[in-house]
Amino acid sequence: MRLLPDRKIGLRTALVAIIVGGILLSAAALHLAWWRTATSVSRELVGTLESQISQAVRRQWWAVVGEVERLSQGMRDLLGETWSGLPPERIMLAASRPTATVSWVLLVPPEGEVIALQSLGDAALRLLRAGTDGTVRDLGTVARPHMTAPDSVPPAPDRLLVRGEPWLADALASANPLWVDVPRTPDGAGGAVAFAGKAGPEHPGGDDGL
C-alpha cells in the first residue's frame, strides 16, 4: 500500500526532470542556432567591410596613379613645346601647384643643373636647383593656389641625390615613360616610386612624380 504513493511521487519527480531537461535542451539548441547565425552574419559583415575597404583603397590608389601620370605627361608636353621660350621652372610650378599628390617633381637635363620642386605639404612648394655634384641652391617657397605659405619650413637639403641614381638610369634607358623604384628620395629621406619619362627627343629629362 505504501508503494503506490511513492511511485506517484517518483513519477512526478521524473516528469519534472523531463520537462526541465527538455527546456534546457531547447535553450541549448536555440543558443547554438543563434550562435551559428550570429557567427555567419558577422563573417558576412566582416567580408563585406573588407571588400568595400579594399575597393575604396584600390580606387584611391588608381586615382593617384592616374593623377601622377597625367601631371607627368602634361609637363613633358609643355616642356617639349616651349623649351626655348618659357622658363622650365615656370612650367613646373604652374603644373604642380594645384596638386599635393606628389612629393617631388624633377627635371634632369643631359647637362647643367637639376631643377626640383619639393612639396611642403598642402600649403606650399619649394623650388631648388642642384649642380652636377648635387649641391643645392634654394630658390624660395611658393604657396599653392588659395593657400598662404607657412611662416617656417624645414631647411632645404644640402644635396640632391639624382644624378648617378639607378632609377634615373632606368628611366633614361626606356623609350617610354615608366614607373621606377626609387630606393631613396632626392633628399635621402626614404624610398618611393616614381613615374619618369623623357621631356623631348632633343632635351631628355627625368620628369618624376614621387
N, C-alpha and C. Protein backbone atom coordinates (compact mmCIF):
# COMPACT_ATOMS: atom_id res chain seq x y z
N MET A 1 0.83 -1.22 0.00
CA MET A 1 0.00 0.00 0.00
C MET A 1 0.86 1.25 0.00
N ARG A 2 2.02 1.17 0.55
CA ARG A 2 2.88 2.36 0.59
C ARG A 2 3.64 2.58 -0.73
N LEU A 3 3.66 1.58 -1.58
CA LEU A 3 4.45 1.71 -2.81
C LEU A 3 3.78 2.65 -3.80
N LEU A 4 2.43 2.68 -3.80
CA LEU A 4 1.74 3.49 -4.80
C LEU A 4 2.01 4.99 -4.63
N PRO A 5 1.85 5.49 -3.37
CA PRO A 5 2.18 6.91 -3.21
C PRO A 5 3.62 7.20 -3.58
N ASP A 6 4.54 6.29 -3.17
CA ASP A 6 5.95 6.52 -3.52
C ASP A 6 6.14 6.55 -5.02
N ARG A 7 5.43 5.67 -5.74
CA ARG A 7 5.55 5.65 -7.19
C ARG A 7 5.01 6.95 -7.79
N LYS A 8 3.91 7.45 -7.23
CA LYS A 8 3.35 8.68 -7.75
C LYS A 8 4.33 9.84 -7.59
N ILE A 9 4.96 9.88 -6.44
CA ILE A 9 5.96 10.93 -6.21
C ILE A 9 7.11 10.77 -7.18
N GLY A 10 7.54 9.52 -7.36
CA GLY A 10 8.63 9.27 -8.29
C GLY A 10 8.27 9.67 -9.70
N LEU A 11 7.05 9.40 -10.14
CA LEU A 11 6.62 9.78 -11.49
C LEU A 11 6.59 11.29 -11.63
N ARG A 12 6.09 11.96 -10.59
CA ARG A 12 6.07 13.42 -10.65
C ARG A 12 7.48 13.99 -10.75
N THR A 13 8.35 13.43 -9.95
CA THR A 13 9.75 13.89 -9.99
C THR A 13 10.36 13.63 -11.34
N ALA A 14 10.10 12.45 -11.89
CA ALA A 14 10.63 12.13 -13.21
C ALA A 14 10.05 13.05 -14.26
N LEU A 15 8.75 13.36 -14.15
CA LEU A 15 8.10 14.23 -15.12
C LEU A 15 8.70 15.63 -15.07
N VAL A 16 8.90 16.13 -13.86
CA VAL A 16 9.53 17.44 -13.71
C VAL A 16 10.92 17.44 -14.31
N ALA A 17 11.67 16.39 -14.05
CA ALA A 17 13.03 16.29 -14.59
C ALA A 17 13.01 16.27 -16.11
N ILE A 18 12.06 15.57 -16.70
CA ILE A 18 11.96 15.52 -18.16
C ILE A 18 11.63 16.90 -18.72
N ILE A 19 10.69 17.59 -18.04
CA ILE A 19 10.30 18.93 -18.51
C ILE A 19 11.49 19.89 -18.43
N VAL A 20 12.19 19.88 -17.31
CA VAL A 20 13.35 20.75 -17.15
C VAL A 20 14.42 20.41 -18.17
N GLY A 21 14.67 19.11 -18.33
CA GLY A 21 15.66 18.69 -19.32
C GLY A 21 15.28 19.14 -20.72
N GLY A 22 13.99 19.04 -21.04
CA GLY A 22 13.54 19.49 -22.36
C GLY A 22 13.76 20.97 -22.55
N ILE A 23 13.49 21.76 -21.49
CA ILE A 23 13.71 23.20 -21.58
C ILE A 23 15.19 23.50 -21.79
N LEU A 24 16.04 22.82 -21.02
CA LEU A 24 17.47 23.05 -21.14
C LEU A 24 17.99 22.68 -22.53
N LEU A 25 17.51 21.52 -23.04
CA LEU A 25 17.93 21.10 -24.36
C LEU A 25 17.45 22.08 -25.43
N SER A 26 16.21 22.56 -25.28
CA SER A 26 15.68 23.52 -26.23
C SER A 26 16.48 24.83 -26.19
N ALA A 27 16.79 25.28 -24.95
CA ALA A 27 17.57 26.50 -24.81
C ALA A 27 18.95 26.34 -25.44
N ALA A 28 19.55 25.17 -25.21
CA ALA A 28 20.87 24.92 -25.79
C ALA A 28 20.80 24.91 -27.31
N ALA A 29 19.76 24.29 -27.85
CA ALA A 29 19.60 24.24 -29.30
C ALA A 29 19.38 25.64 -29.87
N LEU A 30 18.55 26.44 -29.17
CA LEU A 30 18.31 27.80 -29.62
C LEU A 30 19.59 28.64 -29.55
N HIS A 31 20.33 28.48 -28.45
CA HIS A 31 21.57 29.21 -28.29
C HIS A 31 22.56 28.84 -29.39
N LEU A 32 22.66 27.53 -29.69
CA LEU A 32 23.57 27.07 -30.74
C LEU A 32 23.16 27.62 -32.10
N ALA A 33 21.84 27.60 -32.36
CA ALA A 33 21.35 28.13 -33.63
C ALA A 33 21.62 29.63 -33.71
N TRP A 34 21.40 30.35 -32.61
CA TRP A 34 21.67 31.79 -32.59
C TRP A 34 23.16 32.07 -32.79
N TRP A 35 24.00 31.27 -32.13
CA TRP A 35 25.45 31.46 -32.24
C TRP A 35 25.92 31.25 -33.68
N ARG A 36 25.39 30.19 -34.30
CA ARG A 36 25.78 29.93 -35.68
C ARG A 36 25.31 31.05 -36.61
N THR A 37 24.09 31.52 -36.37
CA THR A 37 23.56 32.61 -37.20
C THR A 37 24.37 33.88 -37.00
N ALA A 38 24.64 34.20 -35.71
CA ALA A 38 25.41 35.41 -35.43
C ALA A 38 26.81 35.33 -36.02
N THR A 39 27.43 34.15 -35.91
CA THR A 39 28.77 33.97 -36.46
C THR A 39 28.76 34.12 -37.97
N SER A 40 27.75 33.52 -38.61
CA SER A 40 27.64 33.62 -40.07
C SER A 40 27.42 35.05 -40.51
N VAL A 41 26.51 35.76 -39.80
CA VAL A 41 26.25 37.15 -40.14
C VAL A 41 27.50 38.00 -39.92
N SER A 42 28.21 37.74 -38.81
CA SER A 42 29.42 38.50 -38.51
C SER A 42 30.47 38.29 -39.60
N ARG A 43 30.62 37.04 -40.03
CA ARG A 43 31.61 36.76 -41.08
C ARG A 43 31.22 37.45 -42.38
N GLU A 44 29.93 37.42 -42.70
CA GLU A 44 29.48 38.09 -43.92
C GLU A 44 29.71 39.59 -43.83
N LEU A 45 29.43 40.15 -42.63
CA LEU A 45 29.62 41.59 -42.43
C LEU A 45 31.09 41.96 -42.55
N VAL A 46 31.95 41.17 -41.90
CA VAL A 46 33.40 41.44 -41.97
C VAL A 46 33.87 41.31 -43.41
N GLY A 47 33.40 40.27 -44.11
CA GLY A 47 33.79 40.10 -45.50
C GLY A 47 33.34 41.26 -46.37
N THR A 48 32.11 41.76 -46.12
CA THR A 48 31.61 42.90 -46.89
C THR A 48 32.43 44.15 -46.61
N LEU A 49 32.74 44.38 -45.33
CA LEU A 49 33.53 45.55 -44.97
C LEU A 49 34.92 45.48 -45.58
N GLU A 50 35.55 44.31 -45.50
CA GLU A 50 36.88 44.15 -46.08
C GLU A 50 36.85 44.40 -47.58
N SER A 51 35.81 43.89 -48.24
CA SER A 51 35.69 44.09 -49.68
C SER A 51 35.51 45.56 -50.01
N GLN A 52 34.65 46.25 -49.25
CA GLN A 52 34.41 47.67 -49.51
C GLN A 52 35.66 48.50 -49.25
N ILE A 53 36.37 48.18 -48.15
CA ILE A 53 37.60 48.91 -47.85
C ILE A 53 38.64 48.67 -48.92
N SER A 54 38.79 47.41 -49.35
CA SER A 54 39.76 47.09 -50.40
C SER A 54 39.43 47.82 -51.69
N GLN A 55 38.16 47.86 -52.05
CA GLN A 55 37.76 48.55 -53.27
C GLN A 55 38.02 50.05 -53.16
N ALA A 56 37.73 50.62 -51.99
CA ALA A 56 37.96 52.06 -51.80
C ALA A 56 39.45 52.39 -51.89
N VAL A 57 40.28 51.56 -51.25
CA VAL A 57 41.73 51.78 -51.31
C VAL A 57 42.23 51.61 -52.73
N ARG A 58 41.71 50.61 -53.43
CA ARG A 58 42.12 50.37 -54.81
C ARG A 58 41.74 51.55 -55.71
N ARG A 59 40.52 52.07 -55.52
CA ARG A 59 40.09 53.21 -56.32
C ARG A 59 40.95 54.43 -56.03
N GLN A 60 41.27 54.65 -54.75
CA GLN A 60 42.11 55.79 -54.38
C GLN A 60 43.50 55.65 -54.96
N TRP A 61 44.03 54.43 -54.90
CA TRP A 61 45.37 54.18 -55.44
C TRP A 61 45.43 54.49 -56.93
N TRP A 62 44.46 53.97 -57.68
CA TRP A 62 44.48 54.18 -59.12
C TRP A 62 44.19 55.64 -59.46
N ALA A 63 43.42 56.32 -58.63
CA ALA A 63 43.20 57.75 -58.86
C ALA A 63 44.51 58.52 -58.73
N VAL A 64 45.32 58.18 -57.72
CA VAL A 64 46.62 58.83 -57.53
C VAL A 64 47.55 58.50 -58.68
N VAL A 65 47.57 57.22 -59.10
CA VAL A 65 48.41 56.80 -60.22
C VAL A 65 48.04 57.61 -61.47
N GLY A 66 46.75 57.71 -61.76
CA GLY A 66 46.31 58.47 -62.93
C GLY A 66 46.68 59.93 -62.85
N GLU A 67 46.57 60.52 -61.66
CA GLU A 67 46.90 61.93 -61.48
C GLU A 67 48.38 62.18 -61.74
N VAL A 68 49.23 61.30 -61.20
CA VAL A 68 50.67 61.46 -61.40
C VAL A 68 51.04 61.30 -62.87
N GLU A 69 50.45 60.31 -63.53
CA GLU A 69 50.76 60.10 -64.95
C GLU A 69 50.30 61.27 -65.80
N ARG A 70 49.10 61.81 -65.50
CA ARG A 70 48.61 62.97 -66.27
C ARG A 70 49.49 64.19 -66.03
N LEU A 71 49.91 64.41 -64.79
CA LEU A 71 50.79 65.53 -64.48
C LEU A 71 52.10 65.40 -65.25
N SER A 72 52.67 64.21 -65.25
CA SER A 72 53.93 63.98 -65.94
C SER A 72 53.78 64.20 -67.44
N GLN A 73 52.72 63.64 -68.02
CA GLN A 73 52.51 63.78 -69.46
C GLN A 73 52.30 65.25 -69.85
N GLY A 74 51.46 65.96 -69.09
CA GLY A 74 51.23 67.36 -69.39
C GLY A 74 52.48 68.20 -69.29
N MET A 75 53.29 67.93 -68.26
CA MET A 75 54.51 68.70 -68.08
C MET A 75 55.51 68.40 -69.19
N ARG A 76 55.62 67.13 -69.58
CA ARG A 76 56.55 66.77 -70.66
C ARG A 76 56.12 67.40 -71.98
N ASP A 77 54.82 67.44 -72.23
CA ASP A 77 54.34 68.07 -73.46
C ASP A 77 54.67 69.56 -73.48
N LEU A 78 54.43 70.24 -72.35
CA LEU A 78 54.70 71.67 -72.29
C LEU A 78 56.19 71.97 -72.41
N LEU A 79 57.00 71.17 -71.75
CA LEU A 79 58.44 71.37 -71.82
C LEU A 79 58.95 71.12 -73.23
N GLY A 80 58.40 70.12 -73.90
CA GLY A 80 58.84 69.82 -75.25
C GLY A 80 58.47 70.91 -76.24
N GLU A 81 57.33 71.59 -76.00
CA GLU A 81 56.85 72.61 -76.92
C GLU A 81 57.47 73.98 -76.67
N THR A 82 57.80 74.27 -75.40
CA THR A 82 58.21 75.64 -75.06
C THR A 82 59.58 75.70 -74.39
N TRP A 83 60.42 74.73 -74.70
CA TRP A 83 61.72 74.70 -74.02
C TRP A 83 62.52 75.99 -74.23
N SER A 84 62.46 76.52 -75.44
CA SER A 84 63.25 77.72 -75.74
C SER A 84 62.55 79.01 -75.35
N GLY A 85 61.32 78.90 -74.85
CA GLY A 85 60.58 80.10 -74.51
C GLY A 85 60.43 80.27 -73.01
N LEU A 86 59.32 79.78 -72.48
CA LEU A 86 59.02 79.94 -71.07
C LEU A 86 60.03 79.17 -70.21
N PRO A 87 60.54 79.77 -69.15
CA PRO A 87 61.50 79.05 -68.30
C PRO A 87 60.88 77.76 -67.75
N PRO A 88 61.64 76.68 -67.71
CA PRO A 88 61.08 75.41 -67.23
C PRO A 88 60.55 75.48 -65.80
N GLU A 89 61.16 76.34 -64.97
CA GLU A 89 60.65 76.47 -63.60
C GLU A 89 59.21 76.95 -63.59
N ARG A 90 58.88 77.89 -64.50
CA ARG A 90 57.52 78.42 -64.57
C ARG A 90 56.53 77.31 -64.96
N ILE A 91 56.94 76.49 -65.92
CA ILE A 91 56.08 75.39 -66.36
C ILE A 91 55.87 74.39 -65.23
N MET A 92 56.93 74.03 -64.55
CA MET A 92 56.84 73.05 -63.47
C MET A 92 55.97 73.57 -62.34
N LEU A 93 56.13 74.84 -61.99
CA LEU A 93 55.32 75.42 -60.92
C LEU A 93 53.85 75.49 -61.31
N ALA A 94 53.58 75.93 -62.54
CA ALA A 94 52.20 76.04 -62.98
C ALA A 94 51.50 74.70 -62.99
N ALA A 95 52.21 73.65 -63.41
CA ALA A 95 51.61 72.33 -63.50
C ALA A 95 51.46 71.67 -62.14
N SER A 96 52.37 71.97 -61.22
CA SER A 96 52.42 71.24 -59.95
C SER A 96 51.69 71.92 -58.81
N ARG A 97 51.48 73.23 -58.88
CA ARG A 97 50.89 73.94 -57.74
C ARG A 97 49.51 73.43 -57.33
N PRO A 98 48.63 73.05 -58.27
CA PRO A 98 47.29 72.64 -57.83
C PRO A 98 47.24 71.32 -57.08
N THR A 99 48.24 70.47 -57.20
CA THR A 99 48.15 69.13 -56.61
C THR A 99 49.19 68.92 -55.53
N ALA A 100 48.76 68.26 -54.45
CA ALA A 100 49.69 67.91 -53.37
C ALA A 100 49.97 66.42 -53.36
N THR A 101 49.64 65.73 -54.47
CA THR A 101 49.79 64.28 -54.52
C THR A 101 51.25 63.85 -54.52
N VAL A 102 52.09 64.58 -55.26
CA VAL A 102 53.48 64.18 -55.41
C VAL A 102 54.35 64.92 -54.41
N SER A 103 55.43 64.30 -54.00
CA SER A 103 56.34 64.94 -53.06
C SER A 103 57.53 65.59 -53.75
N TRP A 104 57.88 65.06 -54.95
CA TRP A 104 58.99 65.65 -55.72
C TRP A 104 58.63 65.69 -57.20
N VAL A 105 59.03 66.75 -57.87
CA VAL A 105 59.00 66.83 -59.33
C VAL A 105 60.39 67.27 -59.77
N LEU A 106 60.99 66.51 -60.68
CA LEU A 106 62.37 66.76 -61.10
C LEU A 106 62.46 66.92 -62.60
N LEU A 107 63.33 67.83 -63.02
CA LEU A 107 63.70 67.96 -64.42
C LEU A 107 65.22 67.81 -64.49
N VAL A 108 65.67 66.77 -65.20
CA VAL A 108 67.10 66.45 -65.23
C VAL A 108 67.59 66.57 -66.67
N PRO A 109 68.17 67.70 -67.05
CA PRO A 109 68.68 67.84 -68.42
C PRO A 109 69.95 67.01 -68.60
N PRO A 110 70.34 66.77 -69.86
CA PRO A 110 71.57 66.00 -70.10
C PRO A 110 72.79 66.64 -69.44
N GLU A 111 72.80 67.97 -69.43
CA GLU A 111 73.89 68.70 -68.79
C GLU A 111 73.30 69.86 -68.00
N GLY A 112 74.08 70.34 -67.05
CA GLY A 112 73.61 71.50 -66.30
C GLY A 112 72.90 71.12 -65.02
N GLU A 113 72.20 72.09 -64.47
CA GLU A 113 71.60 71.93 -63.15
C GLU A 113 70.29 71.16 -63.21
N VAL A 114 70.05 70.37 -62.17
CA VAL A 114 68.77 69.70 -61.97
C VAL A 114 67.81 70.70 -61.34
N ILE A 115 66.60 70.75 -61.87
CA ILE A 115 65.56 71.61 -61.28
C ILE A 115 64.62 70.71 -60.50
N ALA A 116 64.30 71.10 -59.28
CA ALA A 116 63.48 70.25 -58.42
C ALA A 116 62.41 71.07 -57.71
N LEU A 117 61.23 70.49 -57.61
CA LEU A 117 60.16 71.03 -56.77
C LEU A 117 59.92 70.05 -55.64
N GLN A 118 60.02 70.55 -54.42
CA GLN A 118 59.78 69.72 -53.24
C GLN A 118 58.46 70.15 -52.60
N SER A 119 57.56 69.20 -52.39
CA SER A 119 56.30 69.52 -51.73
C SER A 119 56.53 69.77 -50.25
N LEU A 120 55.95 70.84 -49.76
CA LEU A 120 55.98 71.15 -48.33
C LEU A 120 54.60 70.97 -47.71
N GLY A 121 53.88 69.98 -48.20
CA GLY A 121 52.54 69.71 -47.71
C GLY A 121 51.49 70.37 -48.59
N ASP A 122 50.33 70.60 -48.01
CA ASP A 122 49.21 71.15 -48.78
C ASP A 122 49.36 72.63 -49.06
N ALA A 123 50.28 73.31 -48.37
CA ALA A 123 50.32 74.77 -48.45
C ALA A 123 51.30 75.30 -49.50
N ALA A 124 52.44 74.64 -49.68
CA ALA A 124 53.49 75.28 -50.47
C ALA A 124 54.42 74.28 -51.14
N LEU A 125 55.20 74.81 -52.08
CA LEU A 125 56.26 74.07 -52.77
C LEU A 125 57.57 74.83 -52.59
N ARG A 126 58.67 74.10 -52.63
CA ARG A 126 59.98 74.74 -52.59
C ARG A 126 60.70 74.46 -53.91
N LEU A 127 61.26 75.49 -54.51
CA LEU A 127 61.97 75.38 -55.78
C LEU A 127 63.46 75.30 -55.50
N LEU A 128 64.10 74.29 -56.08
CA LEU A 128 65.52 74.06 -55.85
C LEU A 128 66.24 73.86 -57.18
N ARG A 129 67.52 74.17 -57.18
CA ARG A 129 68.41 73.82 -58.28
C ARG A 129 69.63 73.13 -57.69
N ALA A 130 70.13 72.12 -58.39
CA ALA A 130 71.28 71.38 -57.90
C ALA A 130 72.30 71.23 -59.01
N GLY A 131 73.56 71.49 -58.69
CA GLY A 131 74.64 71.36 -59.66
C GLY A 131 74.98 69.91 -59.94
N THR A 132 76.00 69.71 -60.76
CA THR A 132 76.39 68.35 -61.13
C THR A 132 76.85 67.52 -59.94
N ASP A 133 77.35 68.19 -58.91
CA ASP A 133 77.77 67.48 -57.70
C ASP A 133 76.64 67.33 -56.70
N GLY A 134 75.44 67.81 -57.05
CA GLY A 134 74.29 67.69 -56.17
C GLY A 134 74.10 68.83 -55.20
N THR A 135 75.04 69.78 -55.16
CA THR A 135 74.92 70.91 -54.24
C THR A 135 73.68 71.74 -54.58
N VAL A 136 72.93 72.11 -53.53
CA VAL A 136 71.61 72.71 -53.71
C VAL A 136 71.65 74.22 -53.56
N ARG A 137 70.85 74.88 -54.43
CA ARG A 137 70.53 76.30 -54.26
C ARG A 137 69.02 76.40 -54.04
N ASP A 138 68.65 76.97 -52.91
CA ASP A 138 67.24 77.14 -52.58
C ASP A 138 66.73 78.43 -53.23
N LEU A 139 65.77 78.29 -54.17
CA LEU A 139 65.25 79.45 -54.89
C LEU A 139 63.99 80.02 -54.27
N GLY A 140 63.54 79.45 -53.17
CA GLY A 140 62.40 80.03 -52.46
C GLY A 140 61.19 79.11 -52.40
N THR A 141 60.21 79.58 -51.65
CA THR A 141 58.97 78.84 -51.41
C THR A 141 57.81 79.53 -52.11
N VAL A 142 56.95 78.72 -52.73
CA VAL A 142 55.80 79.25 -53.47
C VAL A 142 54.54 78.63 -52.89
N ALA A 143 53.57 79.47 -52.56
CA ALA A 143 52.31 78.97 -51.99
C ALA A 143 51.46 78.33 -53.08
N ARG A 144 50.70 77.33 -52.70
CA ARG A 144 49.74 76.73 -53.63
C ARG A 144 48.55 77.67 -53.80
N PRO A 145 47.75 77.46 -54.86
CA PRO A 145 46.59 78.34 -55.07
C PRO A 145 45.67 78.37 -53.86
N HIS A 146 45.24 79.59 -53.50
CA HIS A 146 44.30 79.82 -52.40
C HIS A 146 44.88 79.41 -51.04
N MET A 147 46.21 79.33 -50.97
CA MET A 147 46.86 78.98 -49.71
C MET A 147 47.88 80.06 -49.36
N THR A 148 48.27 80.10 -48.10
CA THR A 148 49.30 81.01 -47.63
C THR A 148 50.55 80.22 -47.29
N ALA A 149 51.68 80.67 -47.78
CA ALA A 149 52.93 79.98 -47.48
C ALA A 149 53.17 79.95 -45.98
N PRO A 150 53.63 78.83 -45.43
CA PRO A 150 53.86 78.76 -43.99
C PRO A 150 54.95 79.71 -43.54
N ASP A 151 54.85 80.16 -42.29
CA ASP A 151 55.84 81.09 -41.75
C ASP A 151 57.21 80.43 -41.62
N SER A 152 57.23 79.15 -41.30
CA SER A 152 58.50 78.44 -41.16
C SER A 152 58.41 77.11 -41.90
N VAL A 153 59.49 76.73 -42.54
CA VAL A 153 59.56 75.47 -43.28
C VAL A 153 60.84 74.76 -42.88
N PRO A 154 60.89 73.44 -43.02
CA PRO A 154 62.12 72.72 -42.71
C PRO A 154 63.24 73.14 -43.66
N PRO A 155 64.47 73.07 -43.24
CA PRO A 155 65.58 73.50 -44.10
C PRO A 155 65.68 72.65 -45.35
N ALA A 156 66.17 73.25 -46.41
CA ALA A 156 66.37 72.52 -47.67
C ALA A 156 67.53 71.54 -47.51
N PRO A 157 67.49 70.44 -48.23
CA PRO A 157 68.61 69.50 -48.16
C PRO A 157 69.88 70.15 -48.71
N ASP A 158 71.03 69.69 -48.22
CA ASP A 158 72.31 70.22 -48.70
C ASP A 158 72.63 69.71 -50.11
N ARG A 159 72.21 68.47 -50.40
CA ARG A 159 72.48 67.87 -51.70
C ARG A 159 71.24 67.15 -52.19
N LEU A 160 71.12 67.05 -53.51
CA LEU A 160 70.06 66.26 -54.12
C LEU A 160 70.67 65.00 -54.73
N LEU A 161 70.10 63.87 -54.37
CA LEU A 161 70.58 62.59 -54.87
C LEU A 161 69.79 62.24 -56.13
N VAL A 162 70.31 62.65 -57.27
CA VAL A 162 69.60 62.45 -58.54
C VAL A 162 70.53 61.82 -59.57
N ARG A 163 71.54 62.56 -59.98
CA ARG A 163 72.45 62.03 -61.00
C ARG A 163 73.22 60.83 -60.44
N GLY A 164 73.32 59.81 -61.26
CA GLY A 164 74.01 58.59 -60.84
C GLY A 164 73.13 57.61 -60.10
N GLU A 165 71.87 57.98 -59.83
CA GLU A 165 70.96 57.07 -59.14
C GLU A 165 70.44 56.01 -60.14
N PRO A 166 70.25 54.77 -59.69
CA PRO A 166 69.82 53.71 -60.62
C PRO A 166 68.46 53.95 -61.26
N TRP A 167 67.53 54.60 -60.55
CA TRP A 167 66.22 54.84 -61.12
C TRP A 167 66.30 55.80 -62.31
N LEU A 168 67.24 56.76 -62.25
CA LEU A 168 67.39 57.70 -63.36
C LEU A 168 67.95 56.98 -64.58
N ALA A 169 68.90 56.09 -64.36
CA ALA A 169 69.44 55.30 -65.47
C ALA A 169 68.36 54.45 -66.12
N ASP A 170 67.49 53.84 -65.30
CA ASP A 170 66.39 53.04 -65.85
C ASP A 170 65.45 53.90 -66.68
N ALA A 171 65.15 55.10 -66.19
CA ALA A 171 64.24 55.99 -66.91
C ALA A 171 64.84 56.45 -68.24
N LEU A 172 66.12 56.79 -68.25
CA LEU A 172 66.75 57.26 -69.47
C LEU A 172 66.92 56.15 -70.49
N ALA A 173 67.02 54.90 -70.01
CA ALA A 173 67.19 53.77 -70.92
C ALA A 173 65.89 53.35 -71.58
N SER A 174 64.76 53.83 -71.07
CA SER A 174 63.45 53.42 -71.59
C SER A 174 62.95 54.43 -72.63
N ALA A 175 62.41 53.90 -73.74
CA ALA A 175 61.86 54.77 -74.77
C ALA A 175 60.53 55.36 -74.35
N ASN A 176 59.84 54.72 -73.40
CA ASN A 176 58.52 55.16 -72.96
C ASN A 176 58.54 55.49 -71.48
N PRO A 177 57.65 56.37 -71.03
CA PRO A 177 57.55 56.64 -69.59
C PRO A 177 57.24 55.37 -68.82
N LEU A 178 57.72 55.28 -67.61
CA LEU A 178 57.50 54.07 -66.81
C LEU A 178 57.60 54.39 -65.33
N TRP A 179 57.03 53.50 -64.52
CA TRP A 179 57.17 53.58 -63.07
C TRP A 179 58.47 52.91 -62.67
N VAL A 180 59.23 53.56 -61.80
CA VAL A 180 60.51 53.01 -61.35
C VAL A 180 60.55 53.04 -59.83
N ASP A 181 61.30 52.12 -59.28
CA ASP A 181 61.51 52.05 -57.83
C ASP A 181 62.64 53.00 -57.45
N VAL A 182 62.38 53.85 -56.47
CA VAL A 182 63.38 54.83 -56.01
C VAL A 182 63.81 54.44 -54.60
N PRO A 183 64.98 53.84 -54.45
CA PRO A 183 65.41 53.40 -53.11
C PRO A 183 65.53 54.55 -52.11
N ARG A 184 65.84 55.75 -52.61
CA ARG A 184 65.93 56.91 -51.72
C ARG A 184 65.49 58.16 -52.49
N THR A 185 64.70 58.99 -51.85
CA THR A 185 64.22 60.22 -52.46
C THR A 185 65.38 61.20 -52.61
N PRO A 186 65.21 62.27 -53.40
CA PRO A 186 66.33 63.19 -53.63
C PRO A 186 66.97 63.77 -52.37
N ASP A 187 66.19 63.86 -51.28
CA ASP A 187 66.77 64.35 -50.04
C ASP A 187 67.32 63.23 -49.17
N GLY A 188 67.22 61.98 -49.66
CA GLY A 188 67.72 60.83 -48.92
C GLY A 188 66.86 60.41 -47.76
N ALA A 189 65.63 60.94 -47.69
CA ALA A 189 64.78 60.68 -46.52
C ALA A 189 64.17 59.29 -46.52
N GLY A 190 63.92 58.70 -47.68
CA GLY A 190 63.27 57.39 -47.70
C GLY A 190 63.00 56.94 -49.12
N GLY A 191 62.43 55.75 -49.26
CA GLY A 191 62.14 55.20 -50.57
C GLY A 191 60.82 55.71 -51.13
N ALA A 192 60.62 55.48 -52.44
CA ALA A 192 59.41 55.93 -53.11
C ALA A 192 59.29 55.20 -54.43
N VAL A 193 58.24 55.50 -55.15
CA VAL A 193 58.11 55.09 -56.55
C VAL A 193 57.95 56.34 -57.37
N ALA A 194 58.42 56.30 -58.62
CA ALA A 194 58.39 57.50 -59.46
C ALA A 194 57.89 57.13 -60.85
N PHE A 195 57.20 58.07 -61.46
CA PHE A 195 56.82 57.93 -62.86
C PHE A 195 57.74 58.85 -63.64
N ALA A 196 58.54 58.28 -64.53
CA ALA A 196 59.60 59.04 -65.20
C ALA A 196 59.49 58.89 -66.70
N GLY A 197 59.80 59.96 -67.42
CA GLY A 197 59.80 59.92 -68.87
C GLY A 197 60.59 61.07 -69.43
N LYS A 198 61.05 60.91 -70.67
CA LYS A 198 61.85 61.95 -71.31
C LYS A 198 60.95 63.10 -71.73
N ALA A 199 61.45 64.33 -71.50
CA ALA A 199 60.67 65.52 -71.80
C ALA A 199 60.62 65.81 -73.29
N GLY A 200 61.59 65.33 -74.07
CA GLY A 200 61.60 65.57 -75.50
C GLY A 200 62.80 64.92 -76.13
N PRO A 201 62.77 64.63 -77.42
CA PRO A 201 63.88 63.94 -78.06
C PRO A 201 65.17 64.75 -78.05
N GLU A 202 65.04 66.09 -78.05
CA GLU A 202 66.25 66.91 -78.08
C GLU A 202 66.72 67.30 -76.69
N HIS A 203 65.79 67.26 -75.74
CA HIS A 203 66.13 67.69 -74.38
C HIS A 203 65.60 66.68 -73.39
N PRO A 204 66.23 65.48 -73.28
CA PRO A 204 65.69 64.49 -72.37
C PRO A 204 65.85 64.91 -70.94
N GLY A 205 64.88 64.54 -70.13
CA GLY A 205 64.95 64.85 -68.72
C GLY A 205 64.15 63.88 -67.93
N GLY A 206 64.48 63.72 -66.67
CA GLY A 206 63.70 62.88 -65.79
C GLY A 206 62.61 63.71 -65.15
N ASP A 207 61.40 63.56 -65.60
CA ASP A 207 60.28 64.34 -65.08
C ASP A 207 59.51 63.41 -64.17
N ASP A 208 59.79 63.48 -62.87
CA ASP A 208 59.37 62.42 -61.98
C ASP A 208 58.37 62.90 -60.96
N GLY A 209 57.27 62.14 -60.82
CA GLY A 209 56.35 62.38 -59.73
C GLY A 209 56.61 61.37 -58.64
N LEU A 210 57.07 61.83 -57.48
CA LEU A 210 57.41 60.90 -56.39
C LEU A 210 56.35 61.00 -55.31
